[in-house]
Amino acid sequence: MKAAGGTADVLNTRHKTAKESGWKDKAPSKTAFLKAAVEENNLLRRPILVKGSKVVVGKDLDAIRDLLV
């Protein structure tokens, strides 16, 4: 999570739990997010691609292309 920028960067804010918890407006703590993500893995934005120290989260096709080239 740290390499991606933090909890807000890997959180799927469209998920029901994120909306009900108010996480769209204020990201949860790392601990709260990890506990929730263990129960509901759809709270993670996908894909999460890692190449060396670079990380791309989500379906940003330009960023994915740049990472893979």
N, C-alpha and C. Protein backbone atom coordinates (compact mmCIF):
# COMPACT_ATOMS: atom_id res chain seq x y z
N MET A 1 0.82 -1.19 0.00
CA MET A 1 0.00 0.00 0.00
C MET A 1 0.87 1.25 0.00
N LYS A 2 1.94 1.20 0.74
CA LYS A 2 2.80 2.38 0.84
C LYS A 2 3.36 2.77 -0.52
N ALA A 3 3.80 1.77 -1.31
CA ALA A 3 4.36 2.06 -2.63
C ALA A 3 3.32 2.64 -3.57
N ALA A 4 2.05 2.30 -3.36
CA ALA A 4 0.97 2.81 -4.20
C ALA A 4 0.56 4.22 -3.80
N GLY A 5 0.99 4.67 -2.65
CA GLY A 5 0.67 6.02 -2.19
C GLY A 5 -0.11 6.04 -0.89
N GLY A 6 -0.78 4.95 -0.56
CA GLY A 6 -1.53 4.89 0.69
C GLY A 6 -2.89 4.24 0.51
N THR A 7 -3.62 4.19 1.59
CA THR A 7 -4.92 3.53 1.62
C THR A 7 -5.88 4.12 0.58
N ALA A 8 -5.95 5.42 0.48
CA ALA A 8 -6.88 6.06 -0.45
C ALA A 8 -6.61 5.66 -1.89
N ASP A 9 -5.36 5.34 -2.22
CA ASP A 9 -5.00 5.01 -3.59
C ASP A 9 -5.37 3.59 -3.99
N VAL A 10 -5.57 2.70 -3.04
CA VAL A 10 -5.93 1.31 -3.37
C VAL A 10 -7.37 0.99 -3.00
N LEU A 11 -8.08 1.93 -2.43
CA LEU A 11 -9.46 1.73 -1.99
C LEU A 11 -10.44 1.89 -3.15
N ASN A 12 -11.31 0.91 -3.32
CA ASN A 12 -12.39 0.98 -4.30
C ASN A 12 -13.55 1.75 -3.65
N THR A 13 -13.63 3.02 -3.95
CA THR A 13 -14.62 3.89 -3.30
C THR A 13 -16.04 3.63 -3.79
N ARG A 14 -16.20 2.83 -4.84
CA ARG A 14 -17.54 2.50 -5.34
C ARG A 14 -18.15 1.30 -4.61
N HIS A 15 -17.36 0.65 -3.78
CA HIS A 15 -17.84 -0.52 -3.04
C HIS A 15 -18.82 -0.07 -1.95
N LYS A 16 -19.83 -0.89 -1.71
CA LYS A 16 -20.88 -0.57 -0.73
C LYS A 16 -20.30 -0.27 0.66
N THR A 17 -19.35 -1.09 1.10
CA THR A 17 -18.75 -0.88 2.43
C THR A 17 -18.03 0.46 2.50
N ALA A 18 -17.32 0.82 1.45
CA ALA A 18 -16.61 2.10 1.42
C ALA A 18 -17.60 3.27 1.50
N LYS A 19 -18.68 3.15 0.76
CA LYS A 19 -19.69 4.22 0.78
C LYS A 19 -20.35 4.33 2.15
N GLU A 20 -20.76 3.18 2.71
CA GLU A 20 -21.45 3.18 4.01
C GLU A 20 -20.56 3.65 5.15
N SER A 21 -19.27 3.43 5.00
CA SER A 21 -18.31 3.82 6.05
C SER A 21 -17.81 5.24 5.91
N GLY A 22 -18.21 5.92 4.83
CA GLY A 22 -17.76 7.29 4.61
C GLY A 22 -16.33 7.38 4.11
N TRP A 23 -15.81 6.27 3.61
CA TRP A 23 -14.41 6.23 3.17
C TRP A 23 -14.17 6.93 1.84
N LYS A 24 -15.22 7.24 1.13
CA LYS A 24 -15.05 7.97 -0.12
C LYS A 24 -14.53 9.38 0.17
N ASP A 25 -15.03 9.96 1.25
CA ASP A 25 -14.64 11.33 1.62
C ASP A 25 -13.39 11.37 2.49
N LYS A 26 -13.22 10.35 3.33
CA LYS A 26 -12.05 10.30 4.22
C LYS A 26 -11.57 8.85 4.28
N ALA A 27 -10.38 8.61 3.78
CA ALA A 27 -9.83 7.26 3.72
C ALA A 27 -9.70 6.67 5.13
N PRO A 28 -9.91 5.37 5.25
CA PRO A 28 -9.79 4.72 6.56
C PRO A 28 -8.33 4.59 6.97
N SER A 29 -8.13 4.26 8.23
CA SER A 29 -6.77 3.97 8.68
C SER A 29 -6.31 2.69 7.98
N LYS A 30 -5.03 2.49 7.95
CA LYS A 30 -4.46 1.30 7.34
C LYS A 30 -5.02 0.04 8.00
N THR A 31 -5.09 0.04 9.32
CA THR A 31 -5.59 -1.11 10.07
C THR A 31 -7.05 -1.41 9.73
N ALA A 32 -7.88 -0.38 9.73
CA ALA A 32 -9.31 -0.57 9.43
C ALA A 32 -9.49 -1.07 8.01
N PHE A 33 -8.72 -0.52 7.08
CA PHE A 33 -8.82 -0.94 5.69
C PHE A 33 -8.40 -2.39 5.52
N LEU A 34 -7.29 -2.77 6.13
CA LEU A 34 -6.80 -4.15 5.99
C LEU A 34 -7.78 -5.15 6.59
N LYS A 35 -8.35 -4.82 7.73
CA LYS A 35 -9.35 -5.71 8.34
C LYS A 35 -10.55 -5.88 7.42
N ALA A 36 -11.02 -4.79 6.84
CA ALA A 36 -12.18 -4.85 5.95
C ALA A 36 -11.84 -5.58 4.65
N ALA A 37 -10.64 -5.35 4.11
CA ALA A 37 -10.24 -5.97 2.85
C ALA A 37 -10.06 -7.48 2.99
N VAL A 38 -9.67 -7.94 4.17
CA VAL A 38 -9.56 -9.38 4.41
C VAL A 38 -10.95 -10.02 4.28
N GLU A 39 -11.96 -9.33 4.75
CA GLU A 39 -13.33 -9.85 4.68
C GLU A 39 -13.94 -9.65 3.29
N GLU A 40 -13.59 -8.57 2.62
CA GLU A 40 -14.17 -8.24 1.32
C GLU A 40 -13.09 -7.72 0.37
N ASN A 41 -12.51 -8.64 -0.41
CA ASN A 41 -11.38 -8.26 -1.25
C ASN A 41 -11.75 -7.29 -2.37
N ASN A 42 -13.03 -7.10 -2.64
CA ASN A 42 -13.44 -6.14 -3.66
C ASN A 42 -13.26 -4.69 -3.20
N LEU A 43 -12.82 -4.49 -1.98
CA LEU A 43 -12.48 -3.14 -1.53
C LEU A 43 -11.17 -2.67 -2.16
N LEU A 44 -10.40 -3.59 -2.70
CA LEU A 44 -9.15 -3.24 -3.38
C LEU A 44 -9.42 -2.87 -4.83
N ARG A 45 -8.88 -1.73 -5.25
CA ARG A 45 -8.93 -1.38 -6.67
C ARG A 45 -8.01 -2.33 -7.40
N ARG A 46 -8.43 -2.72 -8.60
CA ARG A 46 -7.61 -3.64 -9.38
C ARG A 46 -7.56 -3.16 -10.81
N PRO A 47 -6.55 -3.55 -11.53
CA PRO A 47 -5.40 -4.34 -11.11
C PRO A 47 -4.41 -3.50 -10.31
N ILE A 48 -3.54 -4.19 -9.60
CA ILE A 48 -2.40 -3.55 -8.94
C ILE A 48 -1.17 -4.15 -9.58
N LEU A 49 -0.44 -3.34 -10.32
CA LEU A 49 0.75 -3.79 -11.03
C LEU A 49 2.00 -3.18 -10.41
N VAL A 50 3.01 -4.02 -10.21
CA VAL A 50 4.26 -3.56 -9.60
C VAL A 50 5.41 -3.97 -10.51
N LYS A 51 6.26 -3.00 -10.81
CA LYS A 51 7.46 -3.27 -11.60
C LYS A 51 8.58 -2.46 -10.96
N GLY A 52 9.47 -3.17 -10.26
CA GLY A 52 10.52 -2.48 -9.52
C GLY A 52 9.90 -1.63 -8.43
N SER A 53 10.20 -0.34 -8.44
CA SER A 53 9.64 0.55 -7.43
C SER A 53 8.41 1.30 -7.94
N LYS A 54 7.97 0.98 -9.16
CA LYS A 54 6.81 1.64 -9.74
C LYS A 54 5.55 0.81 -9.52
N VAL A 55 4.45 1.50 -9.23
CA VAL A 55 3.17 0.84 -8.97
C VAL A 55 2.07 1.57 -9.74
N VAL A 56 1.20 0.80 -10.38
CA VAL A 56 0.01 1.35 -11.04
C VAL A 56 -1.19 0.65 -10.43
N VAL A 57 -2.16 1.44 -9.98
CA VAL A 57 -3.38 0.90 -9.38
C VAL A 57 -4.56 1.35 -10.23
N GLY A 58 -5.41 0.39 -10.61
CA GLY A 58 -6.59 0.71 -11.38
C GLY A 58 -6.37 0.55 -12.87
N LYS A 59 -7.41 0.87 -13.60
CA LYS A 59 -7.43 0.62 -15.05
C LYS A 59 -7.03 1.85 -15.86
N ASP A 60 -5.92 2.45 -15.48
CA ASP A 60 -5.37 3.59 -16.22
C ASP A 60 -4.51 3.00 -17.34
N LEU A 61 -5.08 2.85 -18.53
CA LEU A 61 -4.39 2.16 -19.62
C LEU A 61 -3.07 2.82 -20.02
N ASP A 62 -3.01 4.14 -20.00
CA ASP A 62 -1.76 4.81 -20.33
C ASP A 62 -0.69 4.51 -19.31
N ALA A 63 -1.04 4.54 -18.04
CA ALA A 63 -0.07 4.24 -16.98
C ALA A 63 0.38 2.79 -17.04
N ILE A 64 -0.55 1.89 -17.33
CA ILE A 64 -0.21 0.46 -17.45
C ILE A 64 0.75 0.27 -18.62
N ARG A 65 0.44 0.87 -19.75
CA ARG A 65 1.30 0.78 -20.94
C ARG A 65 2.70 1.31 -20.62
N ASP A 66 2.77 2.46 -19.96
CA ASP A 66 4.08 3.03 -19.60
C ASP A 66 4.86 2.12 -18.67
N LEU A 67 4.18 1.48 -17.75
CA LEU A 67 4.83 0.59 -16.80
C LEU A 67 5.40 -0.64 -17.51
N LEU A 68 4.67 -1.15 -18.47
CA LEU A 68 5.06 -2.40 -19.12
C LEU A 68 6.07 -2.21 -20.25
N VAL A 69 6.28 -0.99 -20.69
CA VAL A 69 7.25 -0.75 -21.78
C VAL A 69 8.63 -0.55 -21.26
